[in-house]
Amino acid sequence: MKLVVQVKLLPTPVQAAALEATLRACNRAADQASRVAYETGTTSRNDLQKAVYMDLKARYALSAQPVVRVVKKAWTPTPPCART
């Protein structure tokens, strides 16, 4: 049995600003990762992560978990019919 719980965040103004800044940094990092994937023709998520991980962590001041999620968000798998 799966239990689903919906919660509402009620951050303070300072916390809200920090959350917004983190989300903006994650979106910019995803744009960068997507750009690298496109420009290099990277088709493997692991290869993309190896290529951008350290740069995204440093450039956008993100911890490990957001960087890994950003790479997964930016990576688009190649459909089986498009592989050669």
N, C-alpha and C. Protein backbone atom coordinates (compact mmCIF):
# COMPACT_ATOMS: atom_id res chain seq x y z
N MET A 1 0.85 -1.17 0.00
CA MET A 1 0.00 0.00 0.00
C MET A 1 0.89 1.23 0.00
N LYS A 2 0.55 2.18 -0.86
CA LYS A 2 1.30 3.40 -0.97
C LYS A 2 0.52 4.53 -0.30
N LEU A 3 1.20 5.29 0.52
CA LEU A 3 0.59 6.42 1.21
C LEU A 3 1.10 7.70 0.60
N VAL A 4 0.20 8.54 0.15
CA VAL A 4 0.57 9.82 -0.44
C VAL A 4 0.13 10.92 0.51
N VAL A 5 1.08 11.79 0.82
CA VAL A 5 0.80 12.89 1.74
C VAL A 5 1.13 14.20 1.03
N GLN A 6 0.24 15.14 1.10
CA GLN A 6 0.47 16.45 0.53
C GLN A 6 0.75 17.42 1.66
N VAL A 7 1.83 18.17 1.54
CA VAL A 7 2.18 19.14 2.56
C VAL A 7 2.33 20.51 1.92
N LYS A 8 2.14 21.52 2.69
CA LYS A 8 2.30 22.88 2.21
C LYS A 8 3.47 23.50 2.96
N LEU A 9 4.44 23.99 2.20
CA LEU A 9 5.57 24.66 2.83
C LEU A 9 5.17 26.08 3.21
N LEU A 10 5.56 26.47 4.38
CA LEU A 10 5.31 27.84 4.84
C LEU A 10 6.64 28.46 5.25
N PRO A 11 7.49 28.75 4.25
CA PRO A 11 8.82 29.27 4.59
C PRO A 11 8.74 30.73 5.04
N THR A 12 9.73 31.08 5.83
CA THR A 12 9.89 32.49 6.18
C THR A 12 10.35 33.22 4.93
N PRO A 13 10.29 34.54 4.91
CA PRO A 13 10.77 35.27 3.74
C PRO A 13 12.23 34.94 3.38
N VAL A 14 13.06 34.76 4.38
CA VAL A 14 14.46 34.41 4.12
C VAL A 14 14.56 33.02 3.51
N GLN A 15 13.81 32.06 4.05
CA GLN A 15 13.81 30.71 3.51
C GLN A 15 13.25 30.68 2.09
N ALA A 16 12.21 31.46 1.85
CA ALA A 16 11.60 31.53 0.52
C ALA A 16 12.61 32.06 -0.49
N ALA A 17 13.37 33.06 -0.11
CA ALA A 17 14.39 33.61 -1.00
C ALA A 17 15.47 32.58 -1.29
N ALA A 18 15.86 31.82 -0.27
CA ALA A 18 16.88 30.78 -0.46
C ALA A 18 16.36 29.67 -1.38
N LEU A 19 15.10 29.27 -1.19
CA LEU A 19 14.51 28.25 -2.05
C LEU A 19 14.44 28.73 -3.50
N GLU A 20 14.03 29.97 -3.69
CA GLU A 20 13.94 30.53 -5.03
C GLU A 20 15.32 30.59 -5.69
N ALA A 21 16.32 31.01 -4.94
CA ALA A 21 17.68 31.09 -5.47
C ALA A 21 18.19 29.70 -5.86
N THR A 22 17.89 28.71 -5.04
CA THR A 22 18.32 27.34 -5.35
C THR A 22 17.63 26.82 -6.60
N LEU A 23 16.33 27.07 -6.72
CA LEU A 23 15.61 26.61 -7.91
C LEU A 23 16.11 27.30 -9.17
N ARG A 24 16.40 28.58 -9.06
CA ARG A 24 16.95 29.30 -10.22
C ARG A 24 18.32 28.75 -10.60
N ALA A 25 19.15 28.47 -9.61
CA ALA A 25 20.48 27.88 -9.87
C ALA A 25 20.33 26.51 -10.53
N CYS A 26 19.39 25.71 -10.05
CA CYS A 26 19.16 24.39 -10.63
C CYS A 26 18.70 24.51 -12.08
N ASN A 27 17.84 25.45 -12.38
CA ASN A 27 17.37 25.63 -13.75
C ASN A 27 18.49 26.10 -14.67
N ARG A 28 19.33 27.01 -14.19
CA ARG A 28 20.47 27.44 -14.99
C ARG A 28 21.44 26.28 -15.21
N ALA A 29 21.65 25.48 -14.18
CA ALA A 29 22.53 24.31 -14.30
C ALA A 29 21.96 23.30 -15.30
N ALA A 30 20.65 23.10 -15.28
CA ALA A 30 20.01 22.18 -16.24
C ALA A 30 20.17 22.69 -17.66
N ASP A 31 20.04 24.00 -17.85
CA ASP A 31 20.27 24.59 -19.18
C ASP A 31 21.69 24.31 -19.65
N GLN A 32 22.65 24.51 -18.75
CA GLN A 32 24.06 24.27 -19.08
C GLN A 32 24.30 22.80 -19.42
N ALA A 33 23.77 21.90 -18.61
CA ALA A 33 23.95 20.47 -18.87
C ALA A 33 23.31 20.07 -20.19
N SER A 34 22.15 20.60 -20.49
CA SER A 34 21.47 20.30 -21.74
C SER A 34 22.28 20.81 -22.93
N ARG A 35 22.84 22.01 -22.78
CA ARG A 35 23.67 22.59 -23.83
C ARG A 35 24.88 21.70 -24.10
N VAL A 36 25.54 21.24 -23.03
CA VAL A 36 26.72 20.37 -23.18
C VAL A 36 26.32 19.06 -23.86
N ALA A 37 25.21 18.49 -23.45
CA ALA A 37 24.75 17.23 -24.05
C ALA A 37 24.52 17.41 -25.55
N TYR A 38 23.90 18.52 -25.92
CA TYR A 38 23.60 18.78 -27.33
C TYR A 38 24.87 19.02 -28.12
N GLU A 39 25.75 19.88 -27.59
CA GLU A 39 26.97 20.24 -28.31
C GLU A 39 27.94 19.08 -28.46
N THR A 40 27.97 18.18 -27.49
CA THR A 40 28.90 17.05 -27.55
C THR A 40 28.27 15.79 -28.12
N GLY A 41 26.97 15.80 -28.27
CA GLY A 41 26.27 14.63 -28.78
C GLY A 41 26.23 13.49 -27.77
N THR A 42 26.31 13.82 -26.50
CA THR A 42 26.31 12.81 -25.45
C THR A 42 24.94 12.14 -25.38
N THR A 43 24.94 10.82 -25.45
CA THR A 43 23.67 10.08 -25.40
C THR A 43 23.53 9.27 -24.12
N SER A 44 24.57 9.21 -23.32
CA SER A 44 24.53 8.45 -22.07
C SER A 44 24.42 9.41 -20.89
N ARG A 45 23.48 9.13 -20.00
CA ARG A 45 23.33 9.98 -18.82
C ARG A 45 24.59 9.95 -17.97
N ASN A 46 25.18 8.77 -17.82
CA ASN A 46 26.41 8.67 -17.03
C ASN A 46 27.55 9.46 -17.65
N ASP A 47 27.67 9.42 -18.98
CA ASP A 47 28.71 10.20 -19.65
C ASP A 47 28.46 11.69 -19.48
N LEU A 48 27.21 12.10 -19.57
CA LEU A 48 26.88 13.51 -19.36
C LEU A 48 27.22 13.93 -17.95
N GLN A 49 26.89 13.10 -16.98
CA GLN A 49 27.19 13.43 -15.58
C GLN A 49 28.69 13.57 -15.37
N LYS A 50 29.46 12.66 -15.96
CA LYS A 50 30.92 12.75 -15.84
C LYS A 50 31.45 14.04 -16.46
N ALA A 51 30.82 14.46 -17.55
CA ALA A 51 31.29 15.65 -18.26
C ALA A 51 30.97 16.96 -17.54
N VAL A 52 29.86 17.01 -16.82
CA VAL A 52 29.41 18.30 -16.28
C VAL A 52 29.37 18.39 -14.75
N TYR A 53 29.47 17.28 -14.06
CA TYR A 53 29.23 17.24 -12.61
C TYR A 53 30.05 18.28 -11.84
N MET A 54 31.36 18.22 -11.97
CA MET A 54 32.22 19.11 -11.17
C MET A 54 31.99 20.58 -11.53
N ASP A 55 31.82 20.86 -12.81
CA ASP A 55 31.60 22.23 -13.25
C ASP A 55 30.28 22.79 -12.70
N LEU A 56 29.22 22.00 -12.76
CA LEU A 56 27.92 22.46 -12.25
C LEU A 56 27.97 22.69 -10.75
N LYS A 57 28.62 21.79 -10.03
CA LYS A 57 28.74 21.94 -8.57
C LYS A 57 29.45 23.24 -8.22
N ALA A 58 30.54 23.51 -8.90
CA ALA A 58 31.34 24.70 -8.61
C ALA A 58 30.66 25.98 -9.11
N ARG A 59 30.21 25.96 -10.35
CA ARG A 59 29.67 27.17 -10.97
C ARG A 59 28.38 27.64 -10.32
N TYR A 60 27.52 26.70 -9.92
CA TYR A 60 26.21 27.07 -9.39
C TYR A 60 26.08 26.85 -7.89
N ALA A 61 27.18 26.48 -7.25
CA ALA A 61 27.22 26.29 -5.79
C ALA A 61 26.12 25.34 -5.31
N LEU A 62 26.00 24.21 -6.00
CA LEU A 62 25.00 23.21 -5.65
C LEU A 62 25.68 22.03 -4.98
N SER A 63 24.94 21.35 -4.11
CA SER A 63 25.47 20.13 -3.50
C SER A 63 25.25 18.97 -4.47
N ALA A 64 25.70 17.79 -4.07
CA ALA A 64 25.70 16.63 -4.96
C ALA A 64 24.30 16.24 -5.45
N GLN A 65 23.34 16.15 -4.53
CA GLN A 65 22.01 15.68 -4.91
C GLN A 65 21.34 16.56 -5.97
N PRO A 66 21.32 17.87 -5.81
CA PRO A 66 20.72 18.68 -6.87
C PRO A 66 21.43 18.56 -8.21
N VAL A 67 22.75 18.42 -8.20
CA VAL A 67 23.48 18.28 -9.46
C VAL A 67 23.08 16.99 -10.18
N VAL A 68 22.98 15.91 -9.43
CA VAL A 68 22.58 14.63 -10.04
C VAL A 68 21.16 14.74 -10.61
N ARG A 69 20.25 15.36 -9.87
CA ARG A 69 18.87 15.54 -10.35
C ARG A 69 18.83 16.45 -11.58
N VAL A 70 19.67 17.48 -11.60
CA VAL A 70 19.73 18.40 -12.74
C VAL A 70 20.19 17.66 -13.99
N VAL A 71 21.20 16.81 -13.86
CA VAL A 71 21.68 16.06 -15.01
C VAL A 71 20.57 15.14 -15.52
N LYS A 72 19.87 14.50 -14.62
CA LYS A 72 18.78 13.62 -15.03
C LYS A 72 17.68 14.43 -15.73
N LYS A 73 17.41 15.62 -15.24
CA LYS A 73 16.39 16.47 -15.85
C LYS A 73 16.82 16.91 -17.26
N ALA A 74 18.10 17.21 -17.42
CA ALA A 74 18.59 17.72 -18.70
C ALA A 74 18.78 16.63 -19.75
N TRP A 75 19.05 15.41 -19.29
CA TRP A 75 19.33 14.32 -20.22
C TRP A 75 18.04 13.77 -20.78
N THR A 76 18.01 13.63 -22.10
CA THR A 76 16.86 13.04 -22.76
C THR A 76 17.32 11.75 -23.42
N PRO A 77 16.73 10.63 -23.05
CA PRO A 77 17.17 9.37 -23.66
C PRO A 77 16.84 9.34 -25.16
N THR A 78 17.71 8.69 -25.90
CA THR A 78 17.48 8.51 -27.32
C THR A 78 16.49 7.37 -27.52
N PRO A 79 15.40 7.63 -28.25
CA PRO A 79 14.44 6.55 -28.48
C PRO A 79 15.11 5.37 -29.21
N PRO A 80 14.72 4.14 -28.92
CA PRO A 80 15.35 2.97 -29.55
C PRO A 80 15.35 3.04 -31.08
N CYS A 81 14.31 3.58 -31.66
CA CYS A 81 14.23 3.61 -33.12
C CYS A 81 15.20 4.63 -33.73
N ALA A 82 15.72 5.58 -32.92
CA ALA A 82 16.64 6.60 -33.44
C ALA A 82 18.10 6.20 -33.27
N ARG A 83 18.35 5.11 -32.55
CA ARG A 83 19.74 4.68 -32.33
C ARG A 83 20.28 4.02 -33.59
N THR A 84 21.56 4.24 -33.82
CA THR A 84 22.19 3.61 -34.98
C THR A 84 23.27 2.67 -34.55
